[in-house]
Structures are given as C-alpha cells and as structure tokens.
Amino acid sequence: MNITDYFFVGFAGFFYVLGEYRLAFWISAFGIANHAGAAVKAIVNPDWYMRKRIEANLPVDLFNSGIRSLLVIKVIMIGVLSWAAWRAGMHAGYF
C-alpha cells in the first residue's frame, strides 16, 4: 500500500464520520478511478511499472514483475472504496 491508499480511505472515512456524505462519496469514487487507472497502466505498459519499482528500490524479478501482487492490492482497495462509496452514497441520497 502507498500513501494514496491511506489518503483515499482516511479522508473518505473522516468526512463520513463528520456527516459529509457527499464529499466522502466523491473521494471514494475518485479513489476507485485512481486505483483502476494504475492497474490498467501497469497491465498496458509493464515497462513503466518495472521502472517505478526500480525508482522505489523495490526488488525486481525479471520473470515475475510483481504485477500480480499489484493487481491483488488494487482489487482489494477498489472493493473497500466501492463499499465506502456505496455507504456514503446511500446516506447522501445518490442511491
């Protein structure tokens, strides 16, 4: 997980607790789009993903690029943010 994961979940939860359901919904929705975009970019351009791993001094295995672990994390985060967006959207009257 990286800092954007904490940002989206943290701020959406913060605004949800404050009763700002519309803002919590939109932060969660943006987080879903952000995670989906990163997953698609890593699949479409694996060289970009490998360069980012090298820049971050993460281990690089040429036969197992780590995209599977990235996708698992993204699926989990999209699931959590989808649930949060659904809950906030229900309170905000979007659904």
PDB file of N, CA and C in Angstrom:
ATOM      1  N   MET A   1       0.845  -1.176   0.000  1.00  0.00           N
ATOM      2  CA  MET A   1       0.000   0.000   0.000  1.00  0.00           C
ATOM      3  C   MET A   1       0.889   1.237   0.000  1.00  0.00           C
ATOM      4  N   ASN A   2       0.384   2.278  -0.613  1.00  0.00           N
ATOM      5  CA  ASN A   2       1.154   3.518  -0.632  1.00  0.00           C
ATOM      6  C   ASN A   2       0.334   4.649  -0.022  1.00  0.00           C
ATOM      7  N   ILE A   3       0.865   5.833  -0.082  1.00  0.00           N
ATOM      8  CA  ILE A   3       0.254   6.969   0.600  1.00  0.00           C
ATOM      9  C   ILE A   3      -1.126   7.313   0.041  1.00  0.00           C
ATOM     10  N   THR A   4      -1.348   7.104  -1.252  1.00  0.00           N
ATOM     11  CA  THR A   4      -2.664   7.430  -1.806  1.00  0.00           C
ATOM     12  C   THR A   4      -3.735   6.496  -1.271  1.00  0.00           C
ATOM     13  N   ASP A   5      -3.365   5.250  -0.946  1.00  0.00           N
ATOM     14  CA  ASP A   5      -4.336   4.334  -0.348  1.00  0.00           C
ATOM     15  C   ASP A   5      -4.828   4.890   0.981  1.00  0.00           C
ATOM     16  N   TYR A   6      -3.894   5.330   1.793  1.00  0.00           N
ATOM     17  CA  TYR A   6      -4.256   5.896   3.091  1.00  0.00           C
ATOM     18  C   TYR A   6      -5.033   7.202   2.928  1.00  0.00           C
ATOM     19  N   PHE A   7      -4.665   7.996   1.929  1.00  0.00           N
ATOM     20  CA  PHE A   7      -5.356   9.253   1.698  1.00  0.00           C
ATOM     21  C   PHE A   7      -6.830   9.019   1.389  1.00  0.00           C
ATOM     22  N   PHE A   8      -7.100   8.172   0.407  1.00  0.00           N
ATOM     23  CA  PHE A   8      -8.492   7.979  -0.007  1.00  0.00           C
ATOM     24  C   PHE A   8      -9.330   7.352   1.098  1.00  0.00           C
ATOM     25  N   VAL A   9      -8.826   6.316   1.715  1.00  0.00           N
ATOM     26  CA  VAL A   9      -9.593   5.656   2.777  1.00  0.00           C
ATOM     27  C   VAL A   9      -9.703   6.569   3.997  1.00  0.00           C
ATOM     28  N   GLY A  10      -8.612   7.214   4.353  1.00  0.00           N
ATOM     29  CA  GLY A  10      -8.614   8.064   5.535  1.00  0.00           C
ATOM     30  C   GLY A  10      -9.527   9.273   5.417  1.00  0.00           C
ATOM     31  N   PHE A  11      -9.390  10.007   4.316  1.00  0.00           N
ATOM     32  CA  PHE A  11     -10.218  11.197   4.161  1.00  0.00           C
ATOM     33  C   PHE A  11     -11.685  10.857   3.919  1.00  0.00           C
ATOM     34  N   ALA A  12     -11.953   9.803   3.171  1.00  0.00           N
ATOM     35  CA  ALA A  12     -13.348   9.398   2.972  1.00  0.00           C
ATOM     36  C   ALA A  12     -13.964   9.003   4.317  1.00  0.00           C
ATOM     37  N   GLY A  13     -13.223   8.253   5.118  1.00  0.00           N
ATOM     38  CA  GLY A  13     -13.716   7.881   6.442  1.00  0.00           C
ATOM     39  C   GLY A  13     -13.890   9.082   7.355  1.00  0.00           C
ATOM     40  N   PHE A  14     -12.954  10.013   7.276  1.00  0.00           N
ATOM     41  CA  PHE A  14     -13.031  11.222   8.089  1.00  0.00           C
ATOM     42  C   PHE A  14     -14.292  12.024   7.760  1.00  0.00           C
ATOM     43  N   PHE A  15     -14.538  12.234   6.483  1.00  0.00           N
ATOM     44  CA  PHE A  15     -15.723  13.000   6.094  1.00  0.00           C
ATOM     45  C   PHE A  15     -17.014  12.225   6.360  1.00  0.00           C
ATOM     46  N   TYR A  16     -16.936  10.903   6.282  1.00  0.00           N
ATOM     47  CA  TYR A  16     -18.110  10.089   6.603  1.00  0.00           C
ATOM     48  C   TYR A  16     -18.481  10.262   8.073  1.00  0.00           C
ATOM     49  N   VAL A  17     -17.484  10.224   8.943  1.00  0.00           N
ATOM     50  CA  VAL A  17     -17.728  10.393  10.375  1.00  0.00           C
ATOM     51  C   VAL A  17     -18.276  11.785  10.667  1.00  0.00           C
ATOM     52  N   LEU A  18     -17.787  12.784   9.934  1.00  0.00           N
ATOM     53  CA  LEU A  18     -18.282  14.154  10.137  1.00  0.00           C
ATOM     54  C   LEU A  18     -19.685  14.370   9.578  1.00  0.00           C
ATOM     55  N   GLY A  19     -20.172  13.410   8.803  1.00  0.00           N
ATOM     56  CA  GLY A  19     -21.507  13.544   8.216  1.00  0.00           C
ATOM     57  C   GLY A  19     -21.498  14.193   6.850  1.00  0.00           C
ATOM     58  N   GLU A  20     -20.333  14.401   6.291  1.00  0.00           N
ATOM     59  CA  GLU A  20     -20.207  14.963   4.940  1.00  0.00           C
ATOM     60  C   GLU A  20     -20.229  13.813   3.933  1.00  0.00           C
ATOM     61  N   TYR A  21     -21.412  13.231   3.736  1.00  0.00           N
ATOM     62  CA  TYR A  21     -21.534  12.007   2.950  1.00  0.00           C
ATOM     63  C   TYR A  21     -21.260  12.235   1.468  1.00  0.00           C
ATOM     64  N   ARG A  22     -21.656  13.370   0.950  1.00  0.00           N
ATOM     65  CA  ARG A  22     -21.398  13.642  -0.464  1.00  0.00           C
ATOM     66  C   ARG A  22     -19.901  13.733  -0.745  1.00  0.00           C
ATOM     67  N   LEU A  23     -19.177  14.415   0.109  1.00  0.00           N
ATOM     68  CA  LEU A  23     -17.729  14.530  -0.063  1.00  0.00           C
ATOM     69  C   LEU A  23     -17.055  13.171   0.118  1.00  0.00           C
ATOM     70  N   ALA A  24     -17.503  12.391   1.087  1.00  0.00           N
ATOM     71  CA  ALA A  24     -16.954  11.044   1.288  1.00  0.00           C
ATOM     72  C   ALA A  24     -17.215  10.178   0.061  1.00  0.00           C
ATOM     73  N   PHE A  25     -18.399  10.312  -0.533  1.00  0.00           N
ATOM     74  CA  PHE A  25     -18.716   9.542  -1.736  1.00  0.00           C
ATOM     75  C   PHE A  25     -17.771   9.901  -2.883  1.00  0.00           C
ATOM     76  N   TRP A  26     -17.588  11.185  -3.127  1.00  0.00           N
ATOM     77  CA  TRP A  26     -16.767  11.596  -4.264  1.00  0.00           C
ATOM     78  C   TRP A  26     -15.283  11.297  -4.063  1.00  0.00           C
ATOM     79  N   ILE A  27     -14.801  11.385  -2.845  1.00  0.00           N
ATOM     80  CA  ILE A  27     -13.412  10.987  -2.587  1.00  0.00           C
ATOM     81  C   ILE A  27     -13.249   9.498  -2.830  1.00  0.00           C
ATOM     82  N   SER A  28     -14.220   8.696  -2.395  1.00  0.00           N
ATOM     83  CA  SER A  28     -14.162   7.256  -2.645  1.00  0.00           C
ATOM     84  C   SER A  28     -14.245   6.959  -4.141  1.00  0.00           C
ATOM     85  N   ALA A  29     -15.113   7.667  -4.847  1.00  0.00           N
ATOM     86  CA  ALA A  29     -15.246   7.448  -6.291  1.00  0.00           C
ATOM     87  C   ALA A  29     -13.952   7.811  -7.019  1.00  0.00           C
ATOM     88  N   PHE A  30     -13.324   8.901  -6.625  1.00  0.00           N
ATOM     89  CA  PHE A  30     -12.049   9.274  -7.239  1.00  0.00           C
ATOM     90  C   PHE A  30     -10.977   8.236  -6.918  1.00  0.00           C
ATOM     91  N   GLY A  31     -10.988   7.712  -5.713  1.00  0.00           N
ATOM     92  CA  GLY A  31     -10.045   6.665  -5.336  1.00  0.00           C
ATOM     93  C   GLY A  31     -10.221   5.410  -6.172  1.00  0.00           C
ATOM     94  N   ILE A  32     -11.467   5.045  -6.458  1.00  0.00           N
ATOM     95  CA  ILE A  32     -11.740   3.888  -7.313  1.00  0.00           C
ATOM     96  C   ILE A  32     -11.145   4.123  -8.699  1.00  0.00           C
ATOM     97  N   ALA A  33     -11.392   5.302  -9.260  1.00  0.00           N
ATOM     98  CA  ALA A  33     -10.851   5.617 -10.590  1.00  0.00           C
ATOM     99  C   ALA A  33      -9.320   5.639 -10.576  1.00  0.00           C
ATOM    100  N   ASN A  34      -8.724   6.160  -9.517  1.00  0.00           N
ATOM    101  CA  ASN A  34      -7.269   6.223  -9.405  1.00  0.00           C
ATOM    102  C   ASN A  34      -6.659   4.818  -9.371  1.00  0.00           C
ATOM    103  N   HIS A  35      -7.217   3.944  -8.566  1.00  0.00           N
ATOM    104  CA  HIS A  35      -6.683   2.586  -8.460  1.00  0.00           C
ATOM    105  C   HIS A  35      -6.911   1.799  -9.749  1.00  0.00           C
ATOM    106  N   ALA A  36      -8.067   1.960 -10.351  1.00  0.00           N
ATOM    107  CA  ALA A  36      -8.327   1.259 -11.614  1.00  0.00           C
ATOM    108  C   ALA A  36      -7.383   1.755 -12.710  1.00  0.00           C
ATOM    109  N   GLY A  37      -7.144   3.052 -12.753  1.00  0.00           N
ATOM    110  CA  GLY A  37      -6.217   3.614 -13.746  1.00  0.00           C
ATOM    111  C   GLY A  37      -4.800   3.105 -13.567  1.00  0.00           C
ATOM    112  N   ALA A  38      -4.348   3.002 -12.327  1.00  0.00           N
ATOM    113  CA  ALA A  38      -2.993   2.491 -12.070  1.00  0.00           C
ATOM    114  C   ALA A  38      -2.874   1.031 -12.469  1.00  0.00           C
ATOM    115  N   ALA A  39      -3.916   0.249 -12.209  1.00  0.00           N
ATOM    116  CA  ALA A  39      -3.882  -1.165 -12.588  1.00  0.00           C
ATOM    117  C   ALA A  39      -3.853  -1.325 -14.101  1.00  0.00           C
ATOM    118  N   VAL A  40      -4.660  -0.551 -14.794  1.00  0.00           N
ATOM    119  CA  VAL A  40      -4.687  -0.626 -16.259  1.00  0.00           C
ATOM    120  C   VAL A  40      -3.339  -0.185 -16.834  1.00  0.00           C
ATOM    121  N   LYS A  41      -2.775   0.890 -16.287  1.00  0.00           N
ATOM    122  CA  LYS A  41      -1.489   1.378 -16.792  1.00  0.00           C
ATOM    123  C   LYS A  41      -0.384   0.343 -16.595  1.00  0.00           C
ATOM    124  N   ALA A  42      -0.391  -0.358 -15.462  1.00  0.00           N
ATOM    125  CA  ALA A  42       0.622  -1.382 -15.211  1.00  0.00           C
ATOM    126  C   ALA A  42       0.459  -2.573 -16.148  1.00  0.00           C
ATOM    127  N   ILE A  43      -0.779  -2.900 -16.497  1.00  0.00           N
ATOM    128  CA  ILE A  43      -1.013  -4.020 -17.414  1.00  0.00           C
ATOM    129  C   ILE A  43      -0.637  -3.639 -18.838  1.00  0.00           C
ATOM    130  N   VAL A  44      -1.040  -2.446 -19.266  1.00  0.00           N
ATOM    131  CA  VAL A  44      -0.788  -2.000 -20.638  1.00  0.00           C
ATOM    132  C   VAL A  44       0.693  -1.713 -20.862  1.00  0.00           C
ATOM    133  N   ASN A  45       1.357  -1.160 -19.858  1.00  0.00           N
ATOM    134  CA  ASN A  45       2.752  -0.765 -20.004  1.00  0.00           C
ATOM    135  C   ASN A  45       3.583  -1.351 -18.859  1.00  0.00           C
ATOM    136  N   PRO A  46       3.926  -2.646 -18.924  1.00  0.00           N
ATOM    137  CA  PRO A  46       4.683  -3.249 -17.823  1.00  0.00           C
ATOM    138  C   PRO A  46       6.080  -2.649 -17.640  1.00  0.00           C
ATOM    139  N   ASP A  47       6.647  -2.074 -18.695  1.00  0.00           N
ATOM    140  CA  ASP A  47       7.957  -1.431 -18.548  1.00  0.00           C
ATOM    141  C   ASP A  47       7.873  -0.228 -17.618  1.00  0.00           C
ATOM    142  N   TRP A  48       6.787   0.526 -17.693  1.00  0.00           N
ATOM    143  CA  TRP A  48       6.567   1.651 -16.787  1.00  0.00           C
ATOM    144  C   TRP A  48       6.529   1.155 -15.349  1.00  0.00           C
ATOM    145  N   TYR A  49       5.833   0.060 -15.139  1.00  0.00           N
ATOM    146  CA  TYR A  49       5.727  -0.492 -13.787  1.00  0.00           C
ATOM    147  C   TYR A  49       7.086  -0.956 -13.277  1.00  0.00           C
ATOM    148  N   MET A  50       7.863  -1.588 -14.139  1.00  0.00           N
ATOM    149  CA  MET A  50       9.197  -2.035 -13.741  1.00  0.00           C
ATOM    150  C   MET A  50      10.099  -0.841 -13.399  1.00  0.00           C
ATOM    151  N   ARG A  51      10.029   0.225 -14.205  1.00  0.00           N
ATOM    152  CA  ARG A  51      10.829   1.423 -13.914  1.00  0.00           C
ATOM    153  C   ARG A  51      10.445   2.033 -12.568  1.00  0.00           C
ATOM    154  N   LYS A  52       9.141   2.059 -12.279  1.00  0.00           N
ATOM    155  CA  LYS A  52       8.687   2.614 -10.991  1.00  0.00           C
ATOM    156  C   LYS A  52       9.187   1.772  -9.827  1.00  0.00           C
ATOM    157  N   ARG A  53       9.220   0.452  -9.992  1.00  0.00           N
ATOM    158  CA  ARG A  53       9.753  -0.424  -8.940  1.00  0.00           C
ATOM    159  C   ARG A  53      11.242  -0.169  -8.736  1.00  0.00           C
ATOM    160  N   ILE A  54      11.976   0.032  -9.826  1.00  0.00           N
ATOM    161  CA  ILE A  54      13.413   0.303  -9.723  1.00  0.00           C
ATOM    162  C   ILE A  54      13.648   1.654  -9.046  1.00  0.00           C
ATOM    163  N   GLU A  55      12.856   2.676  -9.414  1.00  0.00           N
ATOM    164  CA  GLU A  55      12.989   4.001  -8.796  1.00  0.00           C
ATOM    165  C   GLU A  55      12.720   3.945  -7.298  1.00  0.00           C
ATOM    166  N   ALA A  56      11.834   3.051  -6.882  1.00  0.00           N
ATOM    167  CA  ALA A  56      11.481   2.944  -5.463  1.00  0.00           C
ATOM    168  C   ALA A  56      12.395   1.977  -4.719  1.00  0.00           C
ATOM    169  N   ASN A  57      13.424   1.464  -5.403  1.00  0.00           N
ATOM    170  CA  ASN A  57      14.367   0.500  -4.817  1.00  0.00           C
ATOM    171  C   ASN A  57      13.674  -0.754  -4.308  1.00  0.00           C
ATOM    172  N   LEU A  58      12.643  -1.181  -5.021  1.00  0.00           N
ATOM    173  CA  LEU A  58      11.960  -2.428  -4.691  1.00  0.00           C
ATOM    174  C   LEU A  58      12.602  -3.564  -5.474  1.00  0.00           C
ATOM    175  N   PRO A  59      12.533  -4.786  -4.963  1.00  0.00           N
ATOM    176  CA  PRO A  59      13.145  -5.909  -5.684  1.00  0.00           C
ATOM    177  C   PRO A  59      12.472  -6.118  -7.041  1.00  0.00           C
ATOM    178  N   VAL A  60      13.290  -6.385  -8.036  1.00  0.00           N
ATOM    179  CA  VAL A  60      12.787  -6.596  -9.390  1.00  0.00           C
ATOM    180  C   VAL A  60      13.180  -7.993  -9.826  1.00  0.00           C
ATOM    181  N   ASP A  61      12.178  -8.781 -10.172  1.00  0.00           N
ATOM    182  CA  ASP A  61      12.397 -10.120 -10.700  1.00  0.00           C
ATOM    183  C   ASP A  61      11.937 -10.092 -12.153  1.00  0.00           C
ATOM    184  N   LEU A  62      12.843 -10.339 -13.058  1.00  0.00           N
ATOM    185  CA  LEU A  62      12.518 -10.222 -14.481  1.00  0.00           C
ATOM    186  C   LEU A  62      11.462 -11.225 -14.933  1.00  0.00           C
ATOM    187  N   PHE A  63      11.333 -12.347 -14.229  1.00  0.00           N
ATOM    188  CA  PHE A  63      10.357 -13.352 -14.623  1.00  0.00           C
ATOM    189  C   PHE A  63       9.024 -13.174 -13.911  1.00  0.00           C
ATOM    190  N   ASN A  64       9.036 -12.495 -12.792  1.00  0.00           N
ATOM    191  CA  ASN A  64       7.815 -12.244 -12.032  1.00  0.00           C
ATOM    192  C   ASN A  64       7.826 -10.773 -11.658  1.00  0.00           C
ATOM    193  N   SER A  65       7.214  -9.948 -12.472  1.00  0.00           N
ATOM    194  CA  SER A  65       7.351  -8.499 -12.331  1.00  0.00           C
ATOM    195  C   SER A  65       6.607  -7.926 -11.132  1.00  0.00           C
ATOM    196  N   GLY A  66       5.800  -8.710 -10.457  1.00  0.00           N
ATOM    197  CA  GLY A  66       5.061  -8.190  -9.313  1.00  0.00           C
ATOM    198  C   GLY A  66       3.738  -7.581  -9.683  1.00  0.00           C
ATOM    199  N   ILE A  67       3.362  -7.653 -10.946  1.00  0.00           N
ATOM    200  CA  ILE A  67       2.090  -7.080 -11.364  1.00  0.00           C
ATOM    201  C   ILE A  67       0.930  -7.818 -10.713  1.00  0.00           C
ATOM    202  N   ARG A  68       1.086  -9.117 -10.487  1.00  0.00           N
ATOM    203  CA  ARG A  68       0.007  -9.864  -9.833  1.00  0.00           C
ATOM    204  C   ARG A  68      -0.256  -9.330  -8.436  1.00  0.00           C
ATOM    205  N   SER A  69       0.790  -9.056  -7.678  1.00  0.00           N
ATOM    206  CA  SER A  69       0.580  -8.521  -6.328  1.00  0.00           C
ATOM    207  C   SER A  69      -0.030  -7.128  -6.386  1.00  0.00           C
ATOM    208  N   LEU A  70       0.389  -6.326  -7.359  1.00  0.00           N
ATOM    209  CA  LEU A  70      -0.222  -5.005  -7.537  1.00  0.00           C
ATOM    210  C   LEU A  70      -1.710  -5.145  -7.819  1.00  0.00           C
ATOM    211  N   LEU A  71      -2.068  -6.072  -8.695  1.00  0.00           N
ATOM    212  CA  LEU A  71      -3.478  -6.252  -9.043  1.00  0.00           C
ATOM    213  C   LEU A  71      -4.297  -6.743  -7.853  1.00  0.00           C
ATOM    214  N   VAL A  72      -3.737  -7.607  -7.033  1.00  0.00           N
ATOM    215  CA  VAL A  72      -4.452  -8.071  -5.842  1.00  0.00           C
ATOM    216  C   VAL A  72      -4.715  -6.899  -4.900  1.00  0.00           C
ATOM    217  N   ILE A  73      -3.708  -6.075  -4.689  1.00  0.00           N
ATOM    218  CA  ILE A  73      -3.877  -4.905  -3.822  1.00  0.00           C
ATOM    219  C   ILE A  73      -4.910  -3.948  -4.398  1.00  0.00           C
ATOM    220  N   LYS A  74      -4.852  -3.726  -5.706  1.00  0.00           N
ATOM    221  CA  LYS A  74      -5.812  -2.807  -6.340  1.00  0.00           C
ATOM    222  C   LYS A  74      -7.237  -3.346  -6.252  1.00  0.00           C
ATOM    223  N   VAL A  75      -7.416  -4.641  -6.431  1.00  0.00           N
ATOM    224  CA  VAL A  75      -8.755  -5.232  -6.323  1.00  0.00           C
ATOM    225  C   VAL A  75      -9.289  -5.076  -4.901  1.00  0.00           C
ATOM    226  N   ILE A  76      -8.445  -5.302  -3.913  1.00  0.00           N
ATOM    227  CA  ILE A  76      -8.874  -5.136  -2.526  1.00  0.00           C
ATOM    228  C   ILE A  76      -9.240  -3.681  -2.245  1.00  0.00           C
ATOM    229  N   MET A  77      -8.396  -2.748  -2.689  1.00  0.00           N
ATOM    230  CA  MET A  77      -8.675  -1.327  -2.443  1.00  0.00           C
ATOM    231  C   MET A  77      -9.926  -0.861  -3.182  1.00  0.00           C
ATOM    232  N   ILE A  78     -10.116  -1.324  -4.420  1.00  0.00           N
ATOM    233  CA  ILE A  78     -11.320  -0.956  -5.158  1.00  0.00           C
ATOM    234  C   ILE A  78     -12.549  -1.521  -4.460  1.00  0.00           C
ATOM    235  N   GLY A  79     -12.441  -2.726  -3.925  1.00  0.00           N
ATOM    236  CA  GLY A  79     -13.557  -3.302  -3.178  1.00  0.00           C
ATOM    237  C   GLY A  79     -13.899  -2.504  -1.933  1.00  0.00           C
ATOM    238  N   VAL A  80     -12.882  -2.137  -1.171  1.00  0.00           N
ATOM    239  CA  VAL A  80     -13.104  -1.346   0.048  1.00  0.00           C
ATOM    240  C   VAL A  80     -13.690   0.020  -0.296  1.00  0.00           C
ATOM    241  N   LEU A  81     -13.119   0.676  -1.294  1.00  0.00           N
ATOM    242  CA  LEU A  81     -13.616   2.000  -1.680  1.00  0.00           C
ATOM    243  C   LEU A  81     -15.005   1.926  -2.299  1.00  0.00           C
ATOM    244  N   SER A  82     -15.315   0.842  -2.999  1.00  0.00           N
ATOM    245  CA  SER A  82     -16.663   0.673  -3.557  1.00  0.00           C
ATOM    246  C   SER A  82     -17.688   0.537  -2.440  1.00  0.00           C
ATOM    247  N   TRP A  83     -17.340  -0.244  -1.431  1.00  0.00           N
ATOM    248  CA  TRP A  83     -18.236  -0.387  -0.294  1.00  0.00           C
ATOM    249  C   TRP A  83     -18.429   0.960   0.405  1.00  0.00           C
ATOM    250  N   ALA A  84     -17.318   1.692   0.593  1.00  0.00           N
ATOM    251  CA  ALA A  84     -17.400   3.001   1.253  1.00  0.00           C
ATOM    252  C   ALA A  84     -18.218   3.982   0.424  1.00  0.00           C
ATOM    253  N   ALA A  85     -18.035   3.967  -0.899  1.00  0.00           N
ATOM    254  CA  ALA A  85     -18.802   4.865  -1.767  1.00  0.00           C
ATOM    255  C   ALA A  85     -20.276   4.504  -1.737  1.00  0.00           C
ATOM    256  N   TRP A  86     -20.578   3.223  -1.714  1.00  0.00           N
ATOM    257  CA  TRP A  86     -21.984   2.801  -1.661  1.00  0.00           C
ATOM    258  C   TRP A  86     -22.637   3.265  -0.365  1.00  0.00           C
ATOM    259  N   ARG A  87     -21.938   3.077   0.771  1.00  0.00           N
ATOM    260  CA  ARG A  87     -22.489   3.508   2.056  1.00  0.00           C
ATOM    261  C   ARG A  87     -22.683   5.029   2.101  1.00  0.00           C
ATOM    262  N   ALA A  88     -21.671   5.765   1.669  1.00  0.00           N
ATOM    263  CA  ALA A  88     -21.775   7.228   1.678  1.00  0.00           C
ATOM    264  C   ALA A  88     -22.835   7.692   0.689  1.00  0.00           C
ATOM    265  N   GLY A  89     -22.923   7.042  -0.474  1.00  0.00           N
ATOM    266  CA  GLY A  89     -23.927   7.400  -1.472  1.00  0.00           C
ATOM    267  C   GLY A  89     -25.341   7.152  -0.976  1.00  0.00           C
ATOM    268  N   MET A  90     -25.528   6.103  -0.189  1.00  0.00           N
ATOM    269  CA  MET A  90     -26.856   5.830   0.391  1.00  0.00           C
ATOM    270  C   MET A  90     -27.260   6.964   1.330  1.00  0.00           C
ATOM    271  N   HIS A  91     -26.325   7.396   2.169  1.00  0.00           N
ATOM    272  CA  HIS A  91     -26.611   8.487   3.103  1.00  0.00           C
ATOM    273  C   HIS A  91     -26.781   9.828   2.385  1.00  0.00           C
ATOM    274  N   ALA A  92     -26.063  10.016   1.292  1.00  0.00           N
ATOM    275  CA  ALA A  92     -26.140  11.282   0.562  1.00  0.00           C
ATOM    276  C   ALA A  92     -27.368  11.354  -0.340  1.00  0.00           C
ATOM    277  N   GLY A  93     -28.042  10.237  -0.525  1.00  0.00           N
ATOM    278  CA  GLY A  93     -29.228  10.220  -1.373  1.00  0.00           C
ATOM    279  C   GLY A  93     -28.944   9.969  -2.843  1.00  0.00           C
ATOM    280  N   TYR A  94     -27.754   9.505  -3.159  1.00  0.00           N
ATOM    281  CA  TYR A  94     -27.409   9.212  -4.557  1.00  0.00           C
ATOM    282  C   TYR A  94     -28.030   7.903  -5.039  1.00  0.00           C
ATOM    283  N   PHE A  95     -28.308   6.993  -4.115  1.00  0.00           N
ATOM    284  CA  PHE A  95     -28.884   5.686  -4.496  1.00  0.00           C
ATOM    285  C   PHE A  95     -30.230   5.498  -3.861  1.00  0.00           C
TER     286      PHE A  95
END
